[in-house]
Amino acid sequence: MFKRITVAYNESPEASRALASAIHLAKELGAELRAVTIMQALPAYTTYATALDPSIDKTLLEDRRERYEQLHTEAREAALREGVELVTDLAEGEEVDAIVHFVRRYKTDLLVIGLRQHALHISRLWSTVYEVAQDAPCSVLGVH
């Protein structure tokens, strides 16, 4: 049924749980597994630092890329321990749009994404997961 699984992955505990579930599913189903991490634009306040040191943007982006590469290496190792090959990708852009674009590009059958607990029911309506689930062209599995 699911031949291509993608997991939205970052350094959050929710994403770690999603990765573990995606690895298990990929192993059981014999599916391809990809992990995508979205690298959003630097926060607006970094422009103040750039005014003092124009190289700050480049340094911050390089640091972030290095951190994500380390995170991807750890994820690939976790998958290999379970006998699953994991392909990792880094995408840039706004989180929801970048994830939806990614799953379309790779013809994902199932997107696995970590669910964050929200104190208020109404706050769920504006969550990233809700927006992704509305726009994704594939099935979405939310993992607690």
N, C-alpha and C. Protein backbone atom coordinates (compact mmCIF):
# COMPACT_ATOMS: atom_id res chain seq x y z
N MET A 1 0.82 -1.19 0.00
CA MET A 1 0.00 0.00 0.00
C MET A 1 0.87 1.26 0.00
N PHE A 2 1.75 1.39 0.99
CA PHE A 2 2.65 2.54 1.05
C PHE A 2 4.02 2.10 0.60
N LYS A 3 4.46 2.65 -0.53
CA LYS A 3 5.78 2.30 -1.09
C LYS A 3 6.82 3.37 -0.85
N ARG A 4 6.36 4.62 -0.65
CA ARG A 4 7.28 5.74 -0.41
C ARG A 4 6.80 6.50 0.82
N ILE A 5 7.61 6.45 1.85
CA ILE A 5 7.28 7.12 3.12
C ILE A 5 8.25 8.27 3.32
N THR A 6 7.71 9.41 3.71
CA THR A 6 8.53 10.57 4.07
C THR A 6 8.20 10.94 5.51
N VAL A 7 9.23 11.27 6.27
CA VAL A 7 9.03 11.76 7.63
C VAL A 7 9.56 13.18 7.71
N ALA A 8 8.75 14.07 8.28
CA ALA A 8 9.19 15.44 8.54
C ALA A 8 10.06 15.37 9.79
N TYR A 9 11.30 15.82 9.66
CA TYR A 9 12.26 15.57 10.74
C TYR A 9 13.04 16.82 11.10
N ASN A 10 13.11 17.09 12.39
CA ASN A 10 13.96 18.16 12.92
C ASN A 10 14.44 17.72 14.29
N GLU A 11 14.90 18.67 15.10
CA GLU A 11 15.48 18.28 16.39
C GLU A 11 14.45 18.14 17.51
N SER A 12 13.17 18.22 17.22
CA SER A 12 12.14 18.15 18.26
C SER A 12 11.89 16.71 18.71
N PRO A 13 11.42 16.54 19.95
CA PRO A 13 11.08 15.20 20.43
C PRO A 13 9.95 14.58 19.59
N GLU A 14 9.04 15.41 19.12
CA GLU A 14 7.93 14.91 18.30
C GLU A 14 8.45 14.31 17.00
N ALA A 15 9.42 14.98 16.39
CA ALA A 15 10.00 14.48 15.15
C ALA A 15 10.79 13.19 15.39
N SER A 16 11.42 13.06 16.54
CA SER A 16 12.14 11.83 16.86
C SER A 16 11.18 10.65 16.96
N ARG A 17 10.02 10.88 17.58
CA ARG A 17 9.02 9.82 17.67
C ARG A 17 8.47 9.48 16.28
N ALA A 18 8.27 10.50 15.46
CA ALA A 18 7.79 10.27 14.09
C ALA A 18 8.81 9.45 13.31
N LEU A 19 10.10 9.77 13.46
CA LEU A 19 11.15 9.03 12.77
C LEU A 19 11.13 7.56 13.19
N ALA A 20 11.03 7.30 14.48
CA ALA A 20 11.01 5.92 14.96
C ALA A 20 9.83 5.15 14.36
N SER A 21 8.68 5.78 14.30
CA SER A 21 7.49 5.14 13.71
C SER A 21 7.68 4.92 12.21
N ALA A 22 8.25 5.90 11.53
CA ALA A 22 8.46 5.78 10.09
C ALA A 22 9.45 4.66 9.77
N ILE A 23 10.50 4.54 10.57
CA ILE A 23 11.47 3.46 10.38
C ILE A 23 10.78 2.11 10.53
N HIS A 24 9.98 1.98 11.56
CA HIS A 24 9.25 0.73 11.81
C HIS A 24 8.32 0.40 10.64
N LEU A 25 7.56 1.39 10.19
CA LEU A 25 6.64 1.18 9.07
C LEU A 25 7.39 0.80 7.79
N ALA A 26 8.46 1.52 7.50
CA ALA A 26 9.24 1.22 6.29
C ALA A 26 9.79 -0.20 6.33
N LYS A 27 10.23 -0.62 7.49
CA LYS A 27 10.76 -1.98 7.63
C LYS A 27 9.65 -3.01 7.41
N GLU A 28 8.52 -2.81 8.05
CA GLU A 28 7.41 -3.76 7.93
C GLU A 28 6.84 -3.81 6.51
N LEU A 29 6.80 -2.66 5.84
CA LEU A 29 6.17 -2.58 4.52
C LEU A 29 7.16 -2.73 3.37
N GLY A 30 8.46 -2.73 3.68
CA GLY A 30 9.46 -2.78 2.64
C GLY A 30 9.43 -1.53 1.77
N ALA A 31 9.13 -0.40 2.39
CA ALA A 31 8.96 0.86 1.67
C ALA A 31 10.26 1.67 1.66
N GLU A 32 10.36 2.57 0.67
CA GLU A 32 11.45 3.55 0.66
C GLU A 32 11.18 4.55 1.77
N LEU A 33 12.24 5.04 2.40
CA LEU A 33 12.08 6.00 3.48
C LEU A 33 12.97 7.21 3.25
N ARG A 34 12.35 8.38 3.34
CA ARG A 34 13.07 9.65 3.24
C ARG A 34 12.73 10.48 4.46
N ALA A 35 13.68 11.29 4.87
CA ALA A 35 13.43 12.28 5.92
C ALA A 35 13.73 13.65 5.33
N VAL A 36 12.84 14.60 5.58
CA VAL A 36 13.05 15.95 5.10
C VAL A 36 13.08 16.91 6.28
N THR A 37 14.06 17.77 6.28
CA THR A 37 14.18 18.82 7.28
C THR A 37 14.06 20.15 6.55
N ILE A 38 13.23 21.01 7.08
CA ILE A 38 12.99 22.30 6.45
C ILE A 38 13.85 23.36 7.13
N MET A 39 14.63 24.04 6.32
CA MET A 39 15.46 25.13 6.83
C MET A 39 14.79 26.44 6.44
N GLN A 40 14.18 27.06 7.44
CA GLN A 40 13.48 28.31 7.21
C GLN A 40 14.47 29.47 7.18
N ALA A 41 13.99 30.60 6.70
CA ALA A 41 14.82 31.80 6.67
C ALA A 41 15.24 32.19 8.09
N LEU A 42 16.35 32.87 8.18
CA LEU A 42 16.81 33.34 9.49
C LEU A 42 15.80 34.33 10.05
N PRO A 43 15.68 34.40 11.37
CA PRO A 43 14.75 35.34 11.99
C PRO A 43 15.09 36.79 11.62
N ALA A 44 14.07 37.62 11.61
CA ALA A 44 14.24 39.02 11.21
C ALA A 44 15.26 39.76 12.08
N TYR A 45 15.35 39.40 13.34
CA TYR A 45 16.26 40.12 14.23
C TYR A 45 17.73 39.95 13.85
N THR A 46 18.04 38.97 13.02
CA THR A 46 19.44 38.80 12.62
C THR A 46 19.92 39.95 11.72
N THR A 47 18.99 40.72 11.16
CA THR A 47 19.41 41.86 10.34
C THR A 47 20.15 42.89 11.18
N TYR A 48 19.82 42.98 12.47
CA TYR A 48 20.54 43.90 13.35
C TYR A 48 22.00 43.48 13.48
N ALA A 49 22.21 42.18 13.64
CA ALA A 49 23.58 41.67 13.75
C ALA A 49 24.33 41.83 12.43
N THR A 50 23.61 41.66 11.32
CA THR A 50 24.23 41.80 10.00
C THR A 50 24.72 43.22 9.78
N ALA A 51 24.01 44.18 10.36
CA ALA A 51 24.44 45.58 10.22
C ALA A 51 25.82 45.78 10.85
N LEU A 52 26.10 45.06 11.92
CA LEU A 52 27.40 45.15 12.58
C LEU A 52 28.46 44.27 11.91
N ASP A 53 28.03 43.10 11.43
CA ASP A 53 28.96 42.17 10.81
C ASP A 53 28.26 41.48 9.64
N PRO A 54 28.52 41.91 8.42
CA PRO A 54 27.84 41.36 7.24
C PRO A 54 28.03 39.84 7.05
N SER A 55 29.05 39.27 7.64
CA SER A 55 29.29 37.84 7.47
C SER A 55 28.45 36.97 8.41
N ILE A 56 27.72 37.59 9.31
CA ILE A 56 26.93 36.85 10.32
C ILE A 56 25.92 35.92 9.65
N ASP A 57 25.20 36.40 8.64
CA ASP A 57 24.20 35.56 7.96
C ASP A 57 24.82 34.26 7.45
N LYS A 58 25.95 34.40 6.79
CA LYS A 58 26.62 33.22 6.23
C LYS A 58 27.04 32.26 7.35
N THR A 59 27.58 32.81 8.42
CA THR A 59 28.01 31.98 9.55
C THR A 59 26.83 31.25 10.18
N LEU A 60 25.73 31.97 10.39
CA LEU A 60 24.55 31.35 10.99
C LEU A 60 23.98 30.25 10.10
N LEU A 61 23.93 30.48 8.81
CA LEU A 61 23.42 29.46 7.88
C LEU A 61 24.34 28.24 7.83
N GLU A 62 25.65 28.47 7.83
CA GLU A 62 26.59 27.35 7.84
C GLU A 62 26.45 26.53 9.12
N ASP A 63 26.32 27.21 10.25
CA ASP A 63 26.13 26.50 11.53
C ASP A 63 24.86 25.66 11.51
N ARG A 64 23.79 26.23 10.97
CA ARG A 64 22.52 25.52 10.91
C ARG A 64 22.64 24.30 9.99
N ARG A 65 23.28 24.47 8.83
CA ARG A 65 23.47 23.34 7.92
C ARG A 65 24.29 22.22 8.56
N GLU A 66 25.33 22.60 9.28
CA GLU A 66 26.15 21.60 9.97
C GLU A 66 25.33 20.84 11.01
N ARG A 67 24.51 21.57 11.75
CA ARG A 67 23.66 20.93 12.77
C ARG A 67 22.68 19.96 12.12
N TYR A 68 22.07 20.37 11.01
CA TYR A 68 21.13 19.49 10.33
C TYR A 68 21.82 18.29 9.72
N GLU A 69 23.04 18.46 9.22
CA GLU A 69 23.78 17.31 8.68
C GLU A 69 24.09 16.31 9.79
N GLN A 70 24.44 16.81 10.97
CA GLN A 70 24.68 15.93 12.12
C GLN A 70 23.38 15.20 12.49
N LEU A 71 22.29 15.91 12.50
CA LEU A 71 20.98 15.33 12.81
C LEU A 71 20.63 14.25 11.79
N HIS A 72 20.90 14.52 10.51
CA HIS A 72 20.62 13.54 9.46
C HIS A 72 21.51 12.30 9.59
N THR A 73 22.77 12.51 9.94
CA THR A 73 23.67 11.37 10.14
C THR A 73 23.14 10.47 11.26
N GLU A 74 22.72 11.06 12.36
CA GLU A 74 22.17 10.29 13.48
C GLU A 74 20.91 9.54 13.06
N ALA A 75 20.07 10.17 12.25
CA ALA A 75 18.83 9.53 11.78
C ALA A 75 19.15 8.35 10.86
N ARG A 76 20.10 8.53 9.95
CA ARG A 76 20.47 7.43 9.05
C ARG A 76 21.04 6.26 9.83
N GLU A 77 21.84 6.56 10.86
CA GLU A 77 22.40 5.49 11.69
C GLU A 77 21.31 4.75 12.45
N ALA A 78 20.32 5.48 12.97
CA ALA A 78 19.20 4.85 13.68
C ALA A 78 18.43 3.93 12.74
N ALA A 79 18.22 4.37 11.52
CA ALA A 79 17.50 3.54 10.54
C ALA A 79 18.30 2.30 10.18
N LEU A 80 19.61 2.47 9.96
CA LEU A 80 20.46 1.33 9.60
C LEU A 80 20.49 0.28 10.70
N ARG A 81 20.43 0.72 11.95
CA ARG A 81 20.38 -0.25 13.07
C ARG A 81 19.15 -1.14 12.97
N GLU A 82 18.11 -0.65 12.32
CA GLU A 82 16.88 -1.43 12.14
C GLU A 82 16.82 -2.09 10.76
N GLY A 83 17.90 -1.96 10.00
CA GLY A 83 17.95 -2.57 8.69
C GLY A 83 17.22 -1.80 7.60
N VAL A 84 17.04 -0.49 7.81
CA VAL A 84 16.32 0.35 6.86
C VAL A 84 17.27 1.42 6.33
N GLU A 85 17.25 1.62 5.01
CA GLU A 85 18.04 2.69 4.42
C GLU A 85 17.20 3.96 4.44
N LEU A 86 17.77 5.02 4.97
CA LEU A 86 17.10 6.31 5.06
C LEU A 86 17.85 7.32 4.21
N VAL A 87 17.12 7.98 3.31
CA VAL A 87 17.68 9.07 2.51
C VAL A 87 17.22 10.36 3.16
N THR A 88 18.15 11.26 3.42
CA THR A 88 17.81 12.52 4.08
C THR A 88 17.94 13.68 3.12
N ASP A 89 17.06 14.65 3.31
CA ASP A 89 17.04 15.82 2.44
C ASP A 89 16.86 17.07 3.30
N LEU A 90 17.44 18.15 2.82
CA LEU A 90 17.27 19.45 3.45
C LEU A 90 16.58 20.35 2.43
N ALA A 91 15.44 20.90 2.82
CA ALA A 91 14.69 21.79 1.92
C ALA A 91 14.61 23.16 2.56
N GLU A 92 14.55 24.17 1.73
CA GLU A 92 14.46 25.53 2.23
C GLU A 92 13.09 26.11 1.92
N GLY A 93 12.63 27.00 2.80
CA GLY A 93 11.38 27.68 2.55
C GLY A 93 10.48 27.71 3.77
N GLU A 94 9.28 28.15 3.54
CA GLU A 94 8.27 28.17 4.59
C GLU A 94 7.87 26.71 4.85
N GLU A 95 7.73 26.36 6.11
CA GLU A 95 7.58 24.97 6.52
C GLU A 95 6.49 24.19 5.78
N VAL A 96 5.27 24.68 5.81
CA VAL A 96 4.16 23.95 5.20
C VAL A 96 4.37 23.80 3.70
N ASP A 97 4.64 24.90 3.02
CA ASP A 97 4.84 24.84 1.57
C ASP A 97 5.99 23.92 1.18
N ALA A 98 7.08 23.98 1.93
CA ALA A 98 8.25 23.16 1.61
C ALA A 98 7.95 21.67 1.79
N ILE A 99 7.23 21.31 2.83
CA ILE A 99 6.88 19.90 3.05
C ILE A 99 5.96 19.41 1.95
N VAL A 100 4.92 20.18 1.65
CA VAL A 100 3.97 19.78 0.61
C VAL A 100 4.67 19.66 -0.75
N HIS A 101 5.53 20.61 -1.07
CA HIS A 101 6.29 20.54 -2.32
C HIS A 101 7.15 19.28 -2.35
N PHE A 102 7.79 18.98 -1.24
CA PHE A 102 8.67 17.81 -1.16
C PHE A 102 7.90 16.52 -1.41
N VAL A 103 6.76 16.34 -0.74
CA VAL A 103 6.01 15.08 -0.90
C VAL A 103 5.45 14.95 -2.31
N ARG A 104 5.13 16.07 -2.93
CA ARG A 104 4.70 16.02 -4.34
C ARG A 104 5.86 15.62 -5.24
N ARG A 105 7.00 16.25 -5.01
CA ARG A 105 8.17 16.00 -5.86
C ARG A 105 8.60 14.54 -5.83
N TYR A 106 8.57 13.93 -4.64
CA TYR A 106 9.03 12.55 -4.50
C TYR A 106 7.90 11.54 -4.52
N LYS A 107 6.70 11.99 -4.86
CA LYS A 107 5.55 11.10 -4.98
C LYS A 107 5.36 10.24 -3.74
N THR A 108 5.40 10.90 -2.60
CA THR A 108 5.24 10.24 -1.31
C THR A 108 3.82 9.66 -1.18
N ASP A 109 3.73 8.44 -0.66
CA ASP A 109 2.43 7.81 -0.39
C ASP A 109 1.95 8.12 1.02
N LEU A 110 2.91 8.26 1.95
CA LEU A 110 2.58 8.49 3.35
C LEU A 110 3.57 9.48 3.95
N LEU A 111 3.04 10.51 4.56
CA LEU A 111 3.85 11.48 5.29
C LEU A 111 3.67 11.23 6.77
N VAL A 112 4.76 11.03 7.48
CA VAL A 112 4.72 10.81 8.93
C VAL A 112 5.23 12.08 9.59
N ILE A 113 4.46 12.59 10.53
CA ILE A 113 4.80 13.86 11.16
C ILE A 113 4.47 13.80 12.64
N GLY A 114 5.34 14.38 13.45
CA GLY A 114 5.15 14.37 14.90
C GLY A 114 4.08 15.36 15.32
N LEU A 115 3.28 14.96 16.29
CA LEU A 115 2.22 15.83 16.82
C LEU A 115 2.66 16.43 18.14
N ARG A 116 2.51 17.72 18.25
CA ARG A 116 2.80 18.44 19.48
C ARG A 116 1.50 18.60 20.25
N GLN A 117 1.58 18.43 21.55
CA GLN A 117 0.39 18.61 22.38
C GLN A 117 0.08 20.10 22.49
N HIS A 118 -1.17 20.45 22.27
CA HIS A 118 -1.62 21.83 22.41
C HIS A 118 -2.56 21.92 23.60
N ALA A 119 -2.36 22.93 24.41
CA ALA A 119 -3.20 23.10 25.60
C ALA A 119 -4.63 23.45 25.22
N LEU A 120 -4.80 24.27 24.22
CA LEU A 120 -6.13 24.69 23.80
C LEU A 120 -6.54 23.99 22.51
N HIS A 121 -7.78 23.54 22.48
CA HIS A 121 -8.28 22.86 21.29
C HIS A 121 -8.19 23.78 20.07
N ILE A 122 -8.53 25.02 20.23
CA ILE A 122 -8.54 25.96 19.11
C ILE A 122 -7.15 26.17 18.51
N SER A 123 -6.11 26.04 19.32
CA SER A 123 -4.76 26.26 18.80
C SER A 123 -4.37 25.19 17.78
N ARG A 124 -5.04 24.05 17.80
CA ARG A 124 -4.76 23.00 16.83
C ARG A 124 -5.11 23.44 15.42
N LEU A 125 -6.06 24.33 15.31
CA LEU A 125 -6.51 24.79 13.99
C LEU A 125 -5.43 25.58 13.26
N TRP A 126 -4.48 26.13 13.98
CA TRP A 126 -3.42 26.91 13.36
C TRP A 126 -2.08 26.20 13.41
N SER A 127 -2.09 24.93 13.66
CA SER A 127 -0.83 24.21 13.77
C SER A 127 -0.28 23.86 12.39
N THR A 128 1.01 23.70 12.34
CA THR A 128 1.69 23.32 11.10
C THR A 128 1.16 21.97 10.61
N VAL A 129 0.98 21.04 11.52
CA VAL A 129 0.52 19.70 11.15
C VAL A 129 -0.85 19.78 10.48
N TYR A 130 -1.74 20.57 11.04
CA TYR A 130 -3.08 20.71 10.46
C TYR A 130 -2.98 21.28 9.05
N GLU A 131 -2.17 22.30 8.87
CA GLU A 131 -2.02 22.91 7.54
C GLU A 131 -1.42 21.92 6.55
N VAL A 132 -0.41 21.18 6.97
CA VAL A 132 0.20 20.19 6.08
C VAL A 132 -0.82 19.12 5.70
N ALA A 133 -1.57 18.64 6.69
CA ALA A 133 -2.56 17.60 6.42
C ALA A 133 -3.62 18.08 5.43
N GLN A 134 -3.97 19.35 5.49
CA GLN A 134 -4.96 19.89 4.56
C GLN A 134 -4.43 19.97 3.13
N ASP A 135 -3.15 20.23 2.96
CA ASP A 135 -2.57 20.47 1.64
C ASP A 135 -1.82 19.27 1.05
N ALA A 136 -1.47 18.31 1.87
CA ALA A 136 -0.65 17.19 1.39
C ALA A 136 -1.43 16.33 0.40
N PRO A 137 -0.78 15.92 -0.68
CA PRO A 137 -1.43 15.09 -1.69
C PRO A 137 -1.33 13.59 -1.38
N CYS A 138 -1.10 13.27 -0.10
CA CYS A 138 -0.93 11.88 0.28
C CYS A 138 -1.53 11.68 1.68
N SER A 139 -1.53 10.45 2.13
CA SER A 139 -1.98 10.16 3.49
C SER A 139 -1.00 10.75 4.48
N VAL A 140 -1.51 11.16 5.65
CA VAL A 140 -0.66 11.76 6.69
C VAL A 140 -0.90 10.99 7.98
N LEU A 141 0.19 10.56 8.59
CA LEU A 141 0.13 9.87 9.87
C LEU A 141 0.73 10.77 10.92
N GLY A 142 -0.08 11.18 11.89
CA GLY A 142 0.42 11.98 13.00
C GLY A 142 0.81 11.08 14.15
N VAL A 143 1.99 11.29 14.70
CA VAL A 143 2.53 10.43 15.75
C VAL A 143 2.63 11.23 17.05
N HIS A 144 2.05 10.69 18.12
CA HIS A 144 2.17 11.32 19.45
C HIS A 144 3.45 10.89 20.10
